Each structure stands twice: as structure tokens, then as C-alpha cells.
């Protein structure tokens, strides 16, 4: 390498470590010197970027799954609350509207049990 190229490479190292490989490969004379390091550098950077992108995608997918699970849990809780509310209203209607009938039914059951259980 020429002295100016060495200075250029050193300056690039201090500036940005990623661009150093590309700039040196473009400046160095010779097909092998240019193609081999360039290809290995691009492969290394590409794999690193792909890993970072995959990690980001995995994080996003996990966040989406957590949000979906939370939404499902909230829906289930709301459905359970609605069912409980419906049951409460049914019991309330039954107790308010059919109090006399309920008393008759319980008294009939009680008298039937007394008649069947006790033999004098």
C-alpha cells in the first residue's frame, strides 16, 4: 500500500470501522486484493445485519404475541364478568318476581322429604 493509502485507511479506522473494509478494497490495486476482502467483509456485515434484523423481528413478534395474549385475557375476563352479571340478574329477577313460588317449591320439597324420611 502506498503511504497515502495507509493514511487514508488509518483515518477511516478512526472515523468508521464498517466503512474501512469497503474503502480499502476499492482503493487497493489488484483483483484478488479487491475482491476477496470485499466479499468477506460484505458477508460478515450482511450476516451481522441479518442477525440484528432477526433479533428485532423476534422482539416485535414476542411483543405482538404478548399483546394478543393480554387482549385475549381481557376478553375472557369481560366475558366472565358478563356471564356473572347475567347470572346475578337472573337470580335477582327470580328472587324478586317469584318469591312466593320459590317459597312454595321449597316448602313442598321439605314436606316431601319429611314424609319420606320419617315413618311413625
PDB file of N, CA and C in Angstrom:
ATOM      1  N   UNK A   1       0.835  -1.187   0.000  1.00  0.00           N
ATOM      2  CA  UNK A   1       0.000   0.000   0.000  1.00  0.00           C
ATOM      3  C   UNK A   1       0.880   1.251   0.000  1.00  0.00           C
ATOM      4  N   UNK A   2       0.385   2.223  -0.632  1.00  0.00           N
ATOM      5  CA  UNK A   2       1.113   3.496  -0.674  1.00  0.00           C
ATOM      6  C   UNK A   2       0.930   4.240   0.645  1.00  0.00           C
ATOM      7  N   UNK A   3       1.818   5.153   0.966  1.00  0.00           N
ATOM      8  CA  UNK A   3       1.673   5.905   2.222  1.00  0.00           C
ATOM      9  C   UNK A   3       0.370   6.685   2.310  1.00  0.00           C
ATOM     10  N   UNK A   4      -0.066   7.224   1.193  1.00  0.00           N
ATOM     11  CA  UNK A   4      -1.325   7.973   1.231  1.00  0.00           C
ATOM     12  C   UNK A   4      -2.498   7.036   1.520  1.00  0.00           C
ATOM     13  N   UNK A   5      -2.397   5.818   0.983  1.00  0.00           N
ATOM     14  CA  UNK A   5      -3.449   4.838   1.238  1.00  0.00           C
ATOM     15  C   UNK A   5      -3.441   4.417   2.702  1.00  0.00           C
ATOM     16  N   UNK A   6      -2.265   4.221   3.276  1.00  0.00           N
ATOM     17  CA  UNK A   6      -2.180   3.871   4.697  1.00  0.00           C
ATOM     18  C   UNK A   6      -2.784   4.979   5.558  1.00  0.00           C
ATOM     19  N   UNK A   7      -2.486   6.218   5.216  1.00  0.00           N
ATOM     20  CA  UNK A   7      -3.063   7.336   5.951  1.00  0.00           C
ATOM     21  C   UNK A   7      -4.579   7.340   5.812  1.00  0.00           C
ATOM     22  N   UNK A   8      -5.039   7.080   4.601  1.00  0.00           N
ATOM     23  CA  UNK A   8      -6.477   7.045   4.337  1.00  0.00           C
ATOM     24  C   UNK A   8      -7.142   5.946   5.155  1.00  0.00           C
ATOM     25  N   UNK A   9      -6.511   4.768   5.196  1.00  0.00           N
ATOM     26  CA  UNK A   9      -7.062   3.644   5.958  1.00  0.00           C
ATOM     27  C   UNK A   9      -7.081   3.984   7.442  1.00  0.00           C
ATOM     28  N   UNK A  10      -6.007   4.564   7.940  1.00  0.00           N
ATOM     29  CA  UNK A  10      -5.953   4.924   9.356  1.00  0.00           C
ATOM     30  C   UNK A  10      -7.038   5.943   9.703  1.00  0.00           C
ATOM     31  N   UNK A  11      -7.235   6.914   8.821  1.00  0.00           N
ATOM     32  CA  UNK A  11      -8.278   7.907   9.054  1.00  0.00           C
ATOM     33  C   UNK A  11      -9.660   7.254   9.062  1.00  0.00           C
ATOM     34  N   UNK A  12      -9.875   6.314   8.160  1.00  0.00           N
ATOM     35  CA  UNK A  12     -11.159   5.624   8.120  1.00  0.00           C
ATOM     36  C   UNK A  12     -11.378   4.786   9.369  1.00  0.00           C
ATOM     37  N   UNK A  13     -10.321   4.174   9.886  1.00  0.00           N
ATOM     38  CA  UNK A  13     -10.467   3.387  11.104  1.00  0.00           C
ATOM     39  C   UNK A  13     -10.960   4.264  12.248  1.00  0.00           C
ATOM     40  N   UNK A  14     -10.400   5.427  12.353  1.00  0.00           N
ATOM     41  CA  UNK A  14     -10.837   6.303  13.430  1.00  0.00           C
ATOM     42  C   UNK A  14     -12.237   6.860  13.153  1.00  0.00           C
ATOM     43  N   UNK A  15     -12.609   6.948  11.882  1.00  0.00           N
ATOM     44  CA  UNK A  15     -13.904   7.530  11.545  1.00  0.00           C
ATOM     45  C   UNK A  15     -15.034   6.510  11.675  1.00  0.00           C
ATOM     46  N   UNK A  16     -14.895   5.391  10.967  1.00  0.00           N
ATOM     47  CA  UNK A  16     -15.964   4.400  10.991  1.00  0.00           C
ATOM     48  C   UNK A  16     -15.378   3.040  10.654  1.00  0.00           C
ATOM     49  N   UNK A  17     -15.525   2.098  11.552  1.00  0.00           N
ATOM     50  CA  UNK A  17     -14.907   0.796  11.340  1.00  0.00           C
ATOM     51  C   UNK A  17     -15.603  -0.010  10.250  1.00  0.00           C
ATOM     52  N   UNK A  18     -16.847   0.259  10.000  1.00  0.00           N
ATOM     53  CA  UNK A  18     -17.549  -0.509   8.977  1.00  0.00           C
ATOM     54  C   UNK A  18     -17.117  -0.112   7.573  1.00  0.00           C
ATOM     55  N   UNK A  19     -16.876   1.163   7.355  1.00  0.00           N
ATOM     56  CA  UNK A  19     -16.539   1.610   6.003  1.00  0.00           C
ATOM     57  C   UNK A  19     -15.093   1.345   5.644  1.00  0.00           C
ATOM     58  N   UNK A  20     -14.262   1.025   6.614  1.00  0.00           N
ATOM     59  CA  UNK A  20     -12.830   0.846   6.321  1.00  0.00           C
ATOM     60  C   UNK A  20     -12.602  -0.275   5.318  1.00  0.00           C
ATOM     61  N   UNK A  21     -13.298  -1.372   5.492  1.00  0.00           N
ATOM     62  CA  UNK A  21     -13.060  -2.524   4.628  1.00  0.00           C
ATOM     63  C   UNK A  21     -13.462  -2.199   3.204  1.00  0.00           C
ATOM     64  N   UNK A  22     -14.577  -1.540   3.034  1.00  0.00           N
ATOM     65  CA  UNK A  22     -15.027  -1.214   1.689  1.00  0.00           C
ATOM     66  C   UNK A  22     -14.094  -0.207   1.010  1.00  0.00           C
ATOM     67  N   UNK A  23     -13.696   0.803   1.748  1.00  0.00           N
ATOM     68  CA  UNK A  23     -12.837   1.826   1.148  1.00  0.00           C
ATOM     69  C   UNK A  23     -11.468   1.258   0.793  1.00  0.00           C
ATOM     70  N   UNK A  24     -10.900   0.432   1.664  1.00  0.00           N
ATOM     71  CA  UNK A  24      -9.586  -0.143   1.349  1.00  0.00           C
ATOM     72  C   UNK A  24      -9.694  -1.078   0.166  1.00  0.00           C
ATOM     73  N   UNK A  25     -10.748  -1.833   0.091  1.00  0.00           N
ATOM     74  CA  UNK A  25     -10.891  -2.762  -1.024  1.00  0.00           C
ATOM     75  C   UNK A  25     -11.046  -2.015  -2.335  1.00  0.00           C
ATOM     76  N   UNK A  26     -11.696  -0.872  -2.294  1.00  0.00           N
ATOM     77  CA  UNK A  26     -11.846  -0.104  -3.520  1.00  0.00           C
ATOM     78  C   UNK A  26     -10.554   0.596  -3.915  1.00  0.00           C
ATOM     79  N   UNK A  27      -9.725   0.956  -2.954  1.00  0.00           N
ATOM     80  CA  UNK A  27      -8.508   1.706  -3.246  1.00  0.00           C
ATOM     81  C   UNK A  27      -7.328   0.806  -3.593  1.00  0.00           C
ATOM     82  N   UNK A  28      -7.263  -0.386  -3.044  1.00  0.00           N
ATOM     83  CA  UNK A  28      -6.110  -1.260  -3.281  1.00  0.00           C
ATOM     84  C   UNK A  28      -6.154  -1.764  -4.712  1.00  0.00           C
ATOM     85  N   UNK A  29      -4.997  -1.739  -5.366  1.00  0.00           N
ATOM     86  CA  UNK A  29      -4.911  -2.175  -6.753  1.00  0.00           C
ATOM     87  C   UNK A  29      -4.761  -3.689  -6.774  1.00  0.00           C
ATOM     88  N   UNK A  30      -5.483  -4.335  -7.705  1.00  0.00           N
ATOM     89  CA  UNK A  30      -5.387  -5.776  -7.861  1.00  0.00           C
ATOM     90  C   UNK A  30      -6.736  -6.422  -7.647  1.00  0.00           C
ATOM     91  N   UNK A  31      -7.049  -7.382  -8.519  1.00  0.00           N
ATOM     92  CA  UNK A  31      -8.368  -8.008  -8.477  1.00  0.00           C
ATOM     93  C   UNK A  31      -8.535  -8.883  -7.241  1.00  0.00           C
ATOM     94  N   UNK A  32      -7.520  -9.652  -6.899  1.00  0.00           N
ATOM     95  CA  UNK A  32      -7.642 -10.534  -5.733  1.00  0.00           C
ATOM     96  C   UNK A  32      -7.729  -9.728  -4.451  1.00  0.00           C
ATOM     97  N   UNK A  33      -6.888  -8.747  -4.326  1.00  0.00           N
ATOM     98  CA  UNK A  33      -6.901  -7.936  -3.111  1.00  0.00           C
ATOM     99  C   UNK A  33      -8.221  -7.186  -2.972  1.00  0.00           C
ATOM    100  N   UNK A  34      -8.818  -6.833  -4.089  1.00  0.00           N
ATOM    101  CA  UNK A  34     -10.067  -6.100  -4.050  1.00  0.00           C
ATOM    102  C   UNK A  34     -11.254  -7.023  -3.804  1.00  0.00           C
ATOM    103  N   UNK A  35     -11.300  -8.161  -4.477  1.00  0.00           N
ATOM    104  CA  UNK A  35     -12.489  -8.998  -4.414  1.00  0.00           C
ATOM    105  C   UNK A  35     -12.566  -9.826  -3.137  1.00  0.00           C
ATOM    106  N   UNK A  36     -11.463 -10.425  -2.719  1.00  0.00           N
ATOM    107  CA  UNK A  36     -11.519 -11.313  -1.559  1.00  0.00           C
ATOM    108  C   UNK A  36     -11.906 -10.590  -0.272  1.00  0.00           C
ATOM    109  N   UNK A  37     -11.174  -9.554   0.142  1.00  0.00           N
ATOM    110  CA  UNK A  37     -11.580  -8.892   1.384  1.00  0.00           C
ATOM    111  C   UNK A  37     -12.952  -8.247   1.284  1.00  0.00           C
ATOM    112  N   UNK A  38     -13.269  -7.731   0.103  1.00  0.00           N
ATOM    113  CA  UNK A  38     -14.571  -7.098  -0.069  1.00  0.00           C
ATOM    114  C   UNK A  38     -15.681  -8.110   0.143  1.00  0.00           C
ATOM    115  N   UNK A  39     -15.552  -9.288  -0.462  1.00  0.00           N
ATOM    116  CA  UNK A  39     -16.581 -10.311  -0.317  1.00  0.00           C
ATOM    117  C   UNK A  39     -16.698 -10.786   1.122  1.00  0.00           C
ATOM    118  N   UNK A  40     -15.559 -11.035   1.773  1.00  0.00           N
ATOM    119  CA  UNK A  40     -15.631 -11.492   3.164  1.00  0.00           C
ATOM    120  C   UNK A  40     -16.203 -10.407   4.063  1.00  0.00           C
ATOM    121  N   UNK A  41     -15.837  -9.175   3.778  1.00  0.00           N
ATOM    122  CA  UNK A  41     -16.353  -8.083   4.607  1.00  0.00           C
ATOM    123  C   UNK A  41     -17.848  -7.916   4.417  1.00  0.00           C
ATOM    124  N   UNK A  42     -18.285  -7.970   3.171  1.00  0.00           N
ATOM    125  CA  UNK A  42     -19.722  -7.812   2.941  1.00  0.00           C
ATOM    126  C   UNK A  42     -20.488  -8.966   3.550  1.00  0.00           C
ATOM    127  N   UNK A  43     -19.937 -10.172   3.441  1.00  0.00           N
ATOM    128  CA  UNK A  43     -20.609 -11.313   4.054  1.00  0.00           C
ATOM    129  C   UNK A  43     -20.687 -11.142   5.562  1.00  0.00           C
ATOM    130  N   UNK A  44     -19.589 -10.714   6.169  1.00  0.00           N
ATOM    131  CA  UNK A  44     -19.585 -10.531   7.620  1.00  0.00           C
ATOM    132  C   UNK A  44     -20.586  -9.460   8.040  1.00  0.00           C
ATOM    133  N   UNK A  45     -20.582  -8.337   7.326  1.00  0.00           N
ATOM    134  CA  UNK A  45     -21.514  -7.271   7.678  1.00  0.00           C
ATOM    135  C   UNK A  45     -22.953  -7.668   7.392  1.00  0.00           C
ATOM    136  N   UNK A  46     -23.163  -8.377   6.281  1.00  0.00           N
ATOM    137  CA  UNK A  46     -24.517  -8.818   5.961  1.00  0.00           C
ATOM    138  C   UNK A  46     -25.044  -9.774   7.019  1.00  0.00           C
ATOM    139  N   UNK A  47     -24.206 -10.726   7.434  1.00  0.00           N
ATOM    140  CA  UNK A  47     -24.672 -11.667   8.452  1.00  0.00           C
ATOM    141  C   UNK A  47     -24.936 -10.945   9.767  1.00  0.00           C
ATOM    142  N   UNK A  48     -24.108  -9.971  10.098  1.00  0.00           N
ATOM    143  CA  UNK A  48     -24.325  -9.217  11.325  1.00  0.00           C
ATOM    144  C   UNK A  48     -25.627  -8.417  11.243  1.00  0.00           C
ATOM    145  N   UNK A  49     -25.853  -7.774  10.111  1.00  0.00           N
ATOM    146  CA  UNK A  49     -27.091  -7.018   9.942  1.00  0.00           C
ATOM    147  C   UNK A  49     -28.301  -7.944   9.936  1.00  0.00           C
ATOM    148  N   UNK A  50     -28.167  -9.113   9.302  1.00  0.00           N
ATOM    149  CA  UNK A  50     -29.269 -10.063   9.293  1.00  0.00           C
ATOM    150  C   UNK A  50     -29.588 -10.534  10.703  1.00  0.00           C
ATOM    151  N   UNK A  51     -28.556 -10.794  11.496  1.00  0.00           N
ATOM    152  CA  UNK A  51     -28.789 -11.206  12.879  1.00  0.00           C
ATOM    153  C   UNK A  51     -29.517 -10.116  13.655  1.00  0.00           C
ATOM    154  N   UNK A  52     -29.080  -8.879  13.472  1.00  0.00           N
ATOM    155  CA  UNK A  52     -29.740  -7.773  14.160  1.00  0.00           C
ATOM    156  C   UNK A  52     -31.192  -7.642  13.718  1.00  0.00           C
ATOM    157  N   UNK A  53     -31.433  -7.775  12.421  1.00  0.00           N
ATOM    158  CA  UNK A  53     -32.803  -7.687  11.916  1.00  0.00           C
ATOM    159  C   UNK A  53     -33.652  -8.831  12.454  1.00  0.00           C
ATOM    160  N   UNK A  54     -33.088 -10.043  12.490  1.00  0.00           N
ATOM    161  CA  UNK A  54     -33.828 -11.182  13.022  1.00  0.00           C
ATOM    162  C   UNK A  54     -34.154 -10.976  14.494  1.00  0.00           C
ATOM    163  N   UNK A  55     -33.196 -10.459  15.263  1.00  0.00           N
ATOM    164  CA  UNK A  55     -33.452 -10.195  16.673  1.00  0.00           C
ATOM    165  C   UNK A  55     -34.559  -9.158  16.845  1.00  0.00           C
ATOM    166  N   UNK A  56     -34.521  -8.113  16.020  1.00  0.00           N
ATOM    167  CA  UNK A  56     -35.567  -7.097  16.093  1.00  0.00           C
ATOM    168  C   UNK A  56     -36.921  -7.688  15.726  1.00  0.00           C
ATOM    169  N   UNK A  57     -36.959  -8.523  14.685  1.00  0.00           N
ATOM    170  CA  UNK A  57     -38.210  -9.153  14.284  1.00  0.00           C
ATOM    171  C   UNK A  57     -38.727 -10.073  15.381  1.00  0.00           C
ATOM    172  N   UNK A  58     -37.822 -10.830  16.014  1.00  0.00           N
ATOM    173  CA  UNK A  58     -38.237 -11.712  17.099  1.00  0.00           C
ATOM    174  C   UNK A  58     -38.805 -10.908  18.263  1.00  0.00           C
ATOM    175  N   UNK A  59     -38.159  -9.796  18.585  1.00  0.00           N
ATOM    176  CA  UNK A  59     -38.665  -8.954  19.667  1.00  0.00           C
ATOM    177  C   UNK A  59     -40.046  -8.419  19.327  1.00  0.00           C
ATOM    178  N   UNK A  60     -40.214  -7.969  18.080  1.00  0.00           N
ATOM    179  CA  UNK A  60     -41.512  -7.443  17.658  1.00  0.00           C
ATOM    180  C   UNK A  60     -42.577  -8.532  17.708  1.00  0.00           C
ATOM    181  N   UNK A  61     -42.226  -9.748  17.252  1.00  0.00           N
ATOM    182  CA  UNK A  61     -43.179 -10.849  17.292  1.00  0.00           C
ATOM    183  C   UNK A  61     -43.553 -11.193  18.725  1.00  0.00           C
ATOM    184  N   UNK A  62     -42.568 -11.213  19.624  1.00  0.00           N
ATOM    185  CA  UNK A  62     -42.856 -11.501  21.025  1.00  0.00           C
ATOM    186  C   UNK A  62     -43.770 -10.437  21.623  1.00  0.00           C
ATOM    187  N   UNK A  63     -43.503  -9.179  21.296  1.00  0.00           N
ATOM    188  CA  UNK A  63     -44.354  -8.101  21.797  1.00  0.00           C
ATOM    189  C   UNK A  63     -45.776  -8.239  21.264  1.00  0.00           C
ATOM    190  N   UNK A  64     -45.906  -8.579  19.976  1.00  0.00           N
ATOM    191  CA  UNK A  64     -47.233  -8.758  19.391  1.00  0.00           C
ATOM    192  C   UNK A  64     -47.956  -9.929  20.048  1.00  0.00           C
ATOM    193  N   UNK A  65     -47.228 -11.034  20.295  1.00  0.00           N
ATOM    194  CA  UNK A  65     -47.842 -12.185  20.948  1.00  0.00           C
ATOM    195  C   UNK A  65     -48.294 -11.830  22.362  1.00  0.00           C
ATOM    196  N   UNK A  66     -47.467 -11.080  23.082  1.00  0.00           N
ATOM    197  CA  UNK A  66     -47.846 -10.673  24.430  1.00  0.00           C
ATOM    198  C   UNK A  66     -49.086  -9.786  24.400  1.00  0.00           C
ATOM    199  N   UNK A  67     -49.141  -8.865  23.431  1.00  0.00           N
ATOM    200  CA  UNK A  67     -50.311  -8.003  23.311  1.00  0.00           C
ATOM    201  C   UNK A  67     -51.555  -8.826  23.001  1.00  0.00           C
ATOM    202  N   UNK A  68     -51.418  -9.803  22.090  1.00  0.00           N
ATOM    203  CA  UNK A  68     -52.556 -10.644  21.739  1.00  0.00           C
ATOM    204  C   UNK A  68     -53.017 -11.456  22.941  1.00  0.00           C
ATOM    205  N   UNK A  69     -52.059 -12.003  23.710  1.00  0.00           N
ATOM    206  CA  UNK A  69     -52.423 -12.767  24.896  1.00  0.00           C
ATOM    207  C   UNK A  69     -53.139 -11.886  25.917  1.00  0.00           C
ATOM    208  N   UNK A  70     -52.643 -10.670  26.105  1.00  0.00           N
ATOM    209  CA  UNK A  70     -53.294  -9.752  27.034  1.00  0.00           C
ATOM    210  C   UNK A  70     -54.703  -9.417  26.568  1.00  0.00           C
ATOM    211  N   UNK A  71     -54.869  -9.193  25.264  1.00  0.00           N
ATOM    212  CA  UNK A  71     -56.197  -8.890  24.729  1.00  0.00           C
ATOM    213  C   UNK A  71     -57.136 -10.075  24.919  1.00  0.00           C
ATOM    214  N   UNK A  72     -56.632 -11.299  24.682  1.00  0.00           N
ATOM    215  CA  UNK A  72     -57.458 -12.483  24.876  1.00  0.00           C
ATOM    216  C   UNK A  72     -57.857 -12.631  26.338  1.00  0.00           C
ATOM    217  N   UNK A  73     -56.906 -12.398  27.247  1.00  0.00           N
ATOM    218  CA  UNK A  73     -57.219 -12.486  28.668  1.00  0.00           C
ATOM    219  C   UNK A  73     -58.264 -11.447  29.059  1.00  0.00           C
ATOM    220  N   UNK A  74     -58.122 -10.232  28.535  1.00  0.00           N
ATOM    221  CA  UNK A  74     -59.098  -9.190  28.830  1.00  0.00           C
ATOM    222  C   UNK A  74     -60.474  -9.574  28.298  1.00  0.00           C
ATOM    223  N   UNK A  75     -60.522 -10.132  27.090  1.00  0.00           N
ATOM    224  CA  UNK A  75     -61.800 -10.560  26.525  1.00  0.00           C
ATOM    225  C   UNK A  75     -62.421 -11.657  27.373  1.00  0.00           C
ATOM    226  N   UNK A  76     -61.596 -12.632  27.806  1.00  0.00           N
ATOM    227  CA  UNK A  76     -62.111 -13.710  28.643  1.00  0.00           C
ATOM    228  C   UNK A  76     -62.643 -13.162  29.962  1.00  0.00           C
ATOM    229  N   UNK A  77     -61.906 -12.222  30.563  1.00  0.00           N
ATOM    230  CA  UNK A  77     -62.368 -11.622  31.812  1.00  0.00           C
ATOM    231  C   UNK A  77     -63.679 -10.876  31.607  1.00  0.00           C
ATOM    232  N   UNK A  78     -63.784 -10.144  30.500  1.00  0.00           N
ATOM    233  CA  UNK A  78     -65.019  -9.417  30.218  1.00  0.00           C
ATOM    234  C   UNK A  78     -66.180 -10.384  30.013  1.00  0.00           C
ATOM    235  N   UNK A  79     -65.930 -11.494  29.297  1.00  0.00           N
ATOM    236  CA  UNK A  79     -66.982 -12.484  29.087  1.00  0.00           C
ATOM    237  C   UNK A  79     -67.412 -13.104  30.409  1.00  0.00           C
ATOM    238  N   UNK A  80     -66.437 -13.412  31.281  1.00  0.00           N
ATOM    239  CA  UNK A  80     -66.780 -13.971  32.583  1.00  0.00           C
ATOM    240  C   UNK A  80     -67.595 -12.976  33.404  1.00  0.00           C
ATOM    241  N   UNK A  81     -67.196 -11.712  33.368  1.00  0.00           N
ATOM    242  CA  UNK A  81     -67.952 -10.691  34.095  1.00  0.00           C
ATOM    243  C   UNK A  81     -69.365 -10.561  33.539  1.00  0.00           C
ATOM    244  N   UNK A  82     -69.503 -10.623  32.214  1.00  0.00           N
ATOM    245  CA  UNK A  82     -70.835 -10.539  31.611  1.00  0.00           C
ATOM    246  C   UNK A  82     -71.688 -11.729  32.028  1.00  0.00           C
ATOM    247  N   UNK A  83     -71.082 -12.931  32.058  1.00  0.00           N
ATOM    248  CA  UNK A  83     -71.833 -14.114  32.487  1.00  0.00           C
ATOM    249  C   UNK A  83     -72.264 -13.981  33.939  1.00  0.00           C
ATOM    250  N   UNK A  84     -71.337 -13.497  34.785  1.00  0.00           N
ATOM    251  CA  UNK A  84     -71.688 -13.307  36.188  1.00  0.00           C
ATOM    252  C   UNK A  84     -72.800 -12.274  36.332  1.00  0.00           C
ATOM    253  N   UNK A  85     -72.730 -11.209  35.556  1.00  0.00           N
ATOM    254  CA  UNK A  85     -73.776 -10.191  35.603  1.00  0.00           C
ATOM    255  C   UNK A  85     -75.114 -10.773  35.166  1.00  0.00           C
ATOM    256  N   UNK A  86     -75.089 -11.595  34.108  1.00  0.00           N
ATOM    257  CA  UNK A  86     -76.321 -12.223  33.647  1.00  0.00           C
ATOM    258  C   UNK A  86     -76.884 -13.144  34.720  1.00  0.00           C
ATOM    259  N   UNK A  87     -76.010 -13.932  35.357  1.00  0.00           N
ATOM    260  CA  UNK A  87     -76.474 -14.825  36.416  1.00  0.00           C
ATOM    261  C   UNK A  87     -77.043 -14.028  37.582  1.00  0.00           C
ATOM    262  N   UNK A  88     -76.369 -12.941  37.929  1.00  0.00           N
ATOM    263  CA  UNK A  88     -76.873 -12.103  39.018  1.00  0.00           C
ATOM    264  C   UNK A  88     -78.236 -11.523  38.680  1.00  0.00           C
ATOM    265  N   UNK A  89     -78.419 -11.069  37.449  1.00  0.00           N
ATOM    266  CA  UNK A  89     -79.718 -10.506  37.078  1.00  0.00           C
ATOM    267  C   UNK A  89     -80.786 -11.585  37.063  1.00  0.00           C
ATOM    268  N   UNK A  90     -80.427 -12.794  36.632  1.00  0.00           N
ATOM    269  CA  UNK A  90     -81.408 -13.886  36.635  1.00  0.00           C
ATOM    270  C   UNK A  90     -81.814 -14.212  38.061  1.00  0.00           C
ATOM    271  N   UNK A  91     -80.834 -14.316  38.959  1.00  0.00           N
ATOM    272  CA  UNK A  91     -81.150 -14.605  40.355  1.00  0.00           C
ATOM    273  C   UNK A  91     -81.972 -13.471  40.953  1.00  0.00           C
ATOM    274  N   UNK A  92     -81.611 -12.240  40.634  1.00  0.00           N
ATOM    275  CA  UNK A  92     -82.358 -11.111  41.166  1.00  0.00           C
ATOM    276  C   UNK A  92     -83.794 -11.127  40.666  1.00  0.00           C
ATOM    277  N   UNK A  93     -83.978 -11.376  39.370  1.00  0.00           N
ATOM    278  CA  UNK A  93     -85.334 -11.445  38.820  1.00  0.00           C
ATOM    279  C   UNK A  93     -86.103 -12.588  39.463  1.00  0.00           C
ATOM    280  N   UNK A  94     -85.428 -13.703  39.643  1.00  0.00           N
ATOM    281  CA  UNK A  94     -86.091 -14.860  40.232  1.00  0.00           C
ATOM    282  C   UNK A  94     -86.492 -14.553  41.672  1.00  0.00           C
ATOM    283  N   UNK A  95     -85.577 -13.936  42.399  1.00  0.00           N
ATOM    284  CA  UNK A  95     -85.870 -13.679  43.805  1.00  0.00           C
ATOM    285  C   UNK A  95     -86.931 -12.591  43.955  1.00  0.00           C
ATOM    286  N   UNK A  96     -86.940 -11.596  43.083  1.00  0.00           N
ATOM    287  CA  UNK A  96     -87.921 -10.527  43.201  1.00  0.00           C
ATOM    288  C   UNK A  96     -89.295 -10.956  42.686  1.00  0.00           C
ATOM    289  N   UNK A  97     -89.302 -11.600  41.526  1.00  0.00           N
ATOM    290  CA  UNK A  97     -90.583 -11.877  40.889  1.00  0.00           C
ATOM    291  C   UNK A  97     -91.235 -13.156  41.355  1.00  0.00           C
ATOM    292  N   UNK A  98     -90.451 -14.110  41.813  1.00  0.00           N
ATOM    293  CA  UNK A  98     -91.008 -15.428  42.121  1.00  0.00           C
ATOM    294  C   UNK A  98     -90.777 -15.800  43.582  1.00  0.00           C
ATOM    295  N   UNK A  99     -90.806 -14.853  44.448  1.00  0.00           N
ATOM    296  CA  UNK A  99     -90.530 -15.141  45.854  1.00  0.00           C
ATOM    297  C   UNK A  99     -91.575 -16.100  46.432  1.00  0.00           C
ATOM    298  N   UNK A 100     -92.810 -15.872  46.123  1.00  0.00           N
ATOM    299  CA  UNK A 100     -93.875 -16.720  46.659  1.00  0.00           C
ATOM    300  C   UNK A 100     -93.773 -18.120  46.078  1.00  0.00           C
ATOM    301  N   UNK A 101     -93.544 -18.202  44.773  1.00  0.00           N
ATOM    302  CA  UNK A 101     -93.443 -19.508  44.131  1.00  0.00           C
ATOM    303  C   UNK A 101     -92.249 -20.266  44.685  1.00  0.00           C
ATOM    304  N   UNK A 102     -91.158 -19.585  44.907  1.00  0.00           N
ATOM    305  CA  UNK A 102     -89.973 -20.236  45.440  1.00  0.00           C
ATOM    306  C   UNK A 102     -90.270 -20.783  46.841  1.00  0.00           C
ATOM    307  N   UNK A 103     -90.944 -20.008  47.631  1.00  0.00           N
ATOM    308  CA  UNK A 103     -91.296 -20.481  48.964  1.00  0.00           C
ATOM    309  C   UNK A 103     -92.175 -21.712  48.899  1.00  0.00           C
ATOM    310  N   UNK A 104     -93.122 -21.745  47.983  1.00  0.00           N
ATOM    311  CA  UNK A 104     -93.981 -22.914  47.834  1.00  0.00           C
ATOM    312  C   UNK A 104     -93.184 -24.132  47.406  1.00  0.00           C
ATOM    313  N   UNK A 105     -92.257 -23.934  46.462  1.00  0.00           N
ATOM    314  CA  UNK A 105     -91.460 -25.064  45.982  1.00  0.00           C
ATOM    315  C   UNK A 105     -90.608 -25.613  47.112  1.00  0.00           C
ATOM    316  N   UNK A 106     -89.960 -24.744  47.883  1.00  0.00           N
ATOM    317  CA  UNK A 106     -89.115 -25.217  48.972  1.00  0.00           C
ATOM    318  C   UNK A 106     -89.955 -25.893  50.057  1.00  0.00           C
ATOM    319  N   UNK A 107     -91.116 -25.358  50.294  1.00  0.00           N
ATOM    320  CA  UNK A 107     -91.954 -25.984  51.320  1.00  0.00           C
ATOM    321  C   UNK A 107     -92.439 -27.343  50.849  1.00  0.00           C
ATOM    322  N   UNK A 108     -92.740 -27.484  49.567  1.00  0.00           N
ATOM    323  CA  UNK A 108     -93.150 -28.785  49.048  1.00  0.00           C
ATOM    324  C   UNK A 108     -92.009 -29.782  49.129  1.00  0.00           C
ATOM    325  N   UNK A 109     -90.807 -29.359  48.784  1.00  0.00           N
ATOM    326  CA  UNK A 109     -89.657 -30.263  48.863  1.00  0.00           C
ATOM    327  C   UNK A 109     -89.428 -30.674  50.305  1.00  0.00           C
ATOM    328  N   UNK A 110     -89.526 -29.728  51.226  1.00  0.00           N
ATOM    329  CA  UNK A 110     -89.284 -30.026  52.629  1.00  0.00           C
ATOM    330  C   UNK A 110     -90.324 -31.006  53.157  1.00  0.00           C
ATOM    331  N   UNK A 111     -91.584 -30.776  52.813  1.00  0.00           N
ATOM    332  CA  UNK A 111     -92.626 -31.686  53.300  1.00  0.00           C
ATOM    333  C   UNK A 111     -92.484 -33.051  52.667  1.00  0.00           C
ATOM    334  N   UNK A 112     -92.081 -33.133  51.396  1.00  0.00           N
ATOM    335  CA  UNK A 112     -91.871 -34.432  50.756  1.00  0.00           C
ATOM    336  C   UNK A 112     -90.737 -35.182  51.428  1.00  0.00           C
ATOM    337  N   UNK A 113     -89.680 -34.497  51.775  1.00  0.00           N
ATOM    338  CA  UNK A 113     -88.569 -35.159  52.447  1.00  0.00           C
ATOM    339  C   UNK A 113     -88.990 -35.636  53.829  1.00  0.00           C
ATOM    340  N   UNK A 114     -89.762 -34.850  54.527  1.00  0.00           N
ATOM    341  CA  UNK A 114     -90.210 -35.234  55.863  1.00  0.00           C
ATOM    342  C   UNK A 114     -91.121 -36.451  55.787  1.00  0.00           C
ATOM    343  N   UNK A 115     -91.993 -36.484  54.802  1.00  0.00           N
ATOM    344  CA  UNK A 115     -92.902 -37.613  54.669  1.00  0.00           C
ATOM    345  C   UNK A 115     -92.144 -38.881  54.316  1.00  0.00           C
ATOM    346  N   UNK A 116     -91.141 -38.780  53.454  1.00  0.00           N
ATOM    347  CA  UNK A 116     -90.400 -39.960  53.029  1.00  0.00           C
ATOM    348  C   UNK A 116     -89.420 -40.442  54.093  1.00  0.00           C
ATOM    349  N   UNK A 117     -88.849 -39.562  54.865  1.00  0.00           N
ATOM    350  CA  UNK A 117     -87.793 -39.961  55.782  1.00  0.00           C
ATOM    351  C   UNK A 117     -88.335 -40.449  57.121  1.00  0.00           C
ATOM    352  N   UNK A 118     -89.403 -39.891  57.599  1.00  0.00           N
ATOM    353  CA  UNK A 118     -89.866 -40.278  58.936  1.00  0.00           C
ATOM    354  C   UNK A 118     -91.107 -41.157  58.826  1.00  0.00           C
ATOM    355  N   UNK A 119     -90.988 -42.347  59.355  1.00  0.00           N
ATOM    356  CA  UNK A 119     -92.141 -43.254  59.387  1.00  0.00           C
ATOM    357  C   UNK A 119     -92.521 -43.419  60.857  1.00  0.00           C
ATOM    358  N   UNK A 120     -93.741 -43.023  61.162  1.00  0.00           N
ATOM    359  CA  UNK A 120     -94.194 -43.121  62.549  1.00  0.00           C
ATOM    360  C   UNK A 120     -94.989 -44.363  62.757  1.00  0.00           C
TER     361      UNK A 120
END
